[in-house]
C-alpha atoms as a PDB file:
ATOM      1  CA  MET A   1     139.882 -88.656 121.520  1.00  0.00           C
ATOM      2  CA  ILE A   2     141.636 -92.205 123.272  1.00  0.00           C
ATOM      3  CA  LYS A   3     138.900 -94.711 123.426  1.00  0.00           C
ATOM      4  CA  VAL A   4     139.535 -96.752 126.428  1.00  0.00           C
ATOM      5  CA  GLN A   5     137.831-100.384 126.903  1.00  0.00           C
ATOM      6  CA  PRO A   6     136.630-102.521 129.462  1.00  0.00           C
ATOM      7  CA  GLY A   7     139.555-104.144 131.569  1.00  0.00           C
ATOM      8  CA  ILE A   8     142.074-101.876 130.796  1.00  0.00           C
ATOM      9  CA  PRO A   9     143.356-100.389 134.210  1.00  0.00           C
ATOM     10  CA  ILE A  10     143.108 -97.280 134.611  1.00  0.00           C
ATOM     11  CA  ALA A  11     145.071 -94.993 137.408  1.00  0.00           C
ATOM     12  CA  ARG A  12     143.473 -92.514 139.380  1.00  0.00           C
ATOM     13  CA  PRO A  13     144.340 -89.282 140.496  1.00  0.00           C
ATOM     14  CA  THR A  14     146.077 -89.244 143.908  1.00  0.00           C
ATOM     15  CA  ILE A  15     147.439 -86.788 146.105  1.00  0.00           C
ATOM     16  CA  GLY A  16     151.028 -86.888 144.662  1.00  0.00           C
ATOM     17  CA  SER A  17     150.476 -87.562 140.809  1.00  0.00           C
ATOM     18  CA  ALA A  18     148.105 -84.335 142.168  1.00  0.00           C
ATOM     19  CA  GLY A  19     151.452 -82.604 142.744  1.00  0.00           C
ATOM     20  CA  LEU A  20     151.147 -82.595 146.656  1.00  0.00           C
ATOM     21  CA  THR A  21     153.498 -84.769 148.207  1.00  0.00           C
ATOM     22  CA  GLY A  22     151.845 -87.994 149.786  1.00  0.00           C
ATOM     23  CA  THR A  23     153.701 -89.834 153.358  1.00  0.00           C
ATOM     24  CA  TRP A  24     155.378 -91.308 151.073  1.00  0.00           C
ATOM     25  CA  ARG A  25     158.660 -88.475 151.529  1.00  0.00           C
ATOM     26  CA  VAL A  26     161.951 -90.190 153.816  1.00  0.00           C
ATOM     27  CA  LEU A  27     163.994 -86.548 153.164  1.00  0.00           C
ATOM     28  CA  ARG A  28     163.084 -82.824 154.790  1.00  0.00           C
ATOM     29  CA  PRO A  29     164.916 -80.448 154.260  1.00  0.00           C
ATOM     30  CA  VAL A  30     165.828 -78.347 156.949  1.00  0.00           C
ATOM     31  CA  ILE A  31     167.274 -74.427 156.437  1.00  0.00           C
ATOM     32  CA  HIS A  32     169.470 -73.246 158.737  1.00  0.00           C
ATOM     33  CA  TYR A  33     169.243 -69.637 158.360  1.00  0.00           C
ATOM     34  CA  ASP A  34     172.634 -68.892 159.861  1.00  0.00           C
ATOM     35  CA  ARG A  35     174.178 -69.420 156.832  1.00  0.00           C
ATOM     36  CA  CYS A  36     172.509 -69.159 154.377  1.00  0.00           C
ATOM     37  CA  THR A  37     173.806 -66.344 152.369  1.00  0.00           C
ATOM     38  CA  ARG A  38     170.302 -66.055 150.309  1.00  0.00           C
ATOM     39  CA  CYS A  39     172.680 -67.029 146.952  1.00  0.00           C
ATOM     40  CA  ARG A  40     168.660 -68.669 145.730  1.00  0.00           C
ATOM     41  CA  LEU A  41     170.406 -71.093 144.999  1.00  0.00           C
ATOM     42  CA  CYS A  42     168.728 -73.368 146.081  1.00  0.00           C
ATOM     43  CA  PHE A  43     165.492 -71.412 144.510  1.00  0.00           C
ATOM     44  CA  PHE A  44     166.546 -71.504 141.234  1.00  0.00           C
ATOM     45  CA  TYR A  45     167.573 -75.452 141.484  1.00  0.00           C
ATOM     46  CA  CYS A  46     163.999 -76.891 142.781  1.00  0.00           C
ATOM     47  CA  VAL A  47     162.070 -78.907 141.118  1.00  0.00           C
ATOM     48  CA  GLU A  48     159.727 -78.965 142.376  1.00  0.00           C
ATOM     49  CA  ASN A  49     159.745 -75.704 143.150  1.00  0.00           C
ATOM     50  CA  SER A  50     158.531 -76.178 146.480  1.00  0.00           C
ATOM     51  CA  ILE A  51     160.818 -73.400 146.947  1.00  0.00           C
ATOM     52  CA  ASP A  52     160.152 -69.544 148.058  1.00  0.00           C
ATOM     53  CA  LEU A  53     161.380 -66.140 148.715  1.00  0.00           C
ATOM     54  CA  GLU A  54     160.151 -64.851 151.674  1.00  0.00           C
ATOM     55  CA  LYS A  55     160.561 -60.698 151.779  1.00  0.00           C
ATOM     56  CA  ASN A  56     163.945 -60.397 152.707  1.00  0.00           C
ATOM     57  CA  LEU A  57     164.672 -63.169 150.007  1.00  0.00           C
ATOM     58  CA  TYR A  58     165.803 -66.014 152.758  1.00  0.00           C
ATOM     59  CA  PRO A  59     163.858 -69.614 151.101  1.00  0.00           C
ATOM     60  CA  SER A  60     161.484 -70.684 152.892  1.00  0.00           C
ATOM     61  CA  ILE A  61     159.556 -74.045 151.758  1.00  0.00           C
ATOM     62  CA  ASP A  62     156.155 -75.995 150.500  1.00  0.00           C
ATOM     63  CA  TYR A  63     156.852 -79.007 153.017  1.00  0.00           C
ATOM     64  CA  ASN A  64     153.499 -80.091 150.692  1.00  0.00           C
ATOM     65  CA  TYR A  65     155.131 -80.028 147.957  1.00  0.00           C
ATOM     66  CA  CYS A  66     158.253 -80.549 148.769  1.00  0.00           C
ATOM     67  CA  LYS A  67     158.760 -84.028 147.574  1.00  0.00           C
ATOM     68  CA  GLY A  68     163.056 -84.353 149.367  1.00  0.00           C
ATOM     69  CA  CYS A  69     164.859 -84.861 146.397  1.00  0.00           C
ATOM     70  CA  GLY A  70     167.853 -83.020 148.248  1.00  0.00           C
ATOM     71  CA  VAL A  71     168.705 -80.762 145.212  1.00  0.00           C
ATOM     72  CA  CYS A  72     168.072 -78.286 147.164  1.00  0.00           C
ATOM     73  CA  ALA A  73     171.450 -79.018 149.863  1.00  0.00           C
ATOM     74  CA  GLN A  74     173.717 -80.757 147.097  1.00  0.00           C
ATOM     75  CA  VAL A  75     173.371 -77.175 145.043  1.00  0.00           C
ATOM     76  CA  CYS A  76     173.328 -74.507 148.438  1.00  0.00           C
ATOM     77  CA  PRO A  77     177.209 -73.216 148.572  1.00  0.00           C
ATOM     78  CA  THR A  78     177.268 -72.973 152.541  1.00  0.00           C
ATOM     79  CA  ALA A  79     175.470 -76.054 153.581  1.00  0.00           C
ATOM     80  CA  ALA A  80     172.415 -74.169 155.177  1.00  0.00           C
ATOM     81  CA  ILE A  81     170.753 -77.295 154.261  1.00  0.00           C
ATOM     82  CA  GLU A  82     170.434 -79.915 155.238  1.00  0.00           C
ATOM     83  CA  MET A  83     168.648 -83.127 154.057  1.00  0.00           C
ATOM     84  CA  ILE A  84     166.701 -85.167 157.579  1.00  0.00           C
ATOM     85  CA  LYS A  85     164.736 -88.618 158.219  1.00  0.00           C
ATOM     86  CA  GLU A  86     161.080 -87.584 157.573  1.00  0.00           C
ATOM     87  CA  VAL A  87     159.317 -87.908 161.190  1.00  0.00           C
ATOM     88  CA  LYS A  88     155.866 -89.801 160.753  1.00  0.00           C
END
């Protein structure tokens, strides 16, 4: 066990550190289902595991955990995922 000495700053858990996206996301992925071929590449490459597959295998994004990194849009072969500016 590490003993913390008094006076040393310690980070406290926040929404972002618990995995939830805070208010700092800049870009948001939007899925164009008419272009989606259900290849599931976005699901496999999502670094935050925030993309789930619905019963019909179309992807859905959990915006509570999506950080807006854009990896899903980069790997999508049909450009079905577009990164748009986050509106606050």
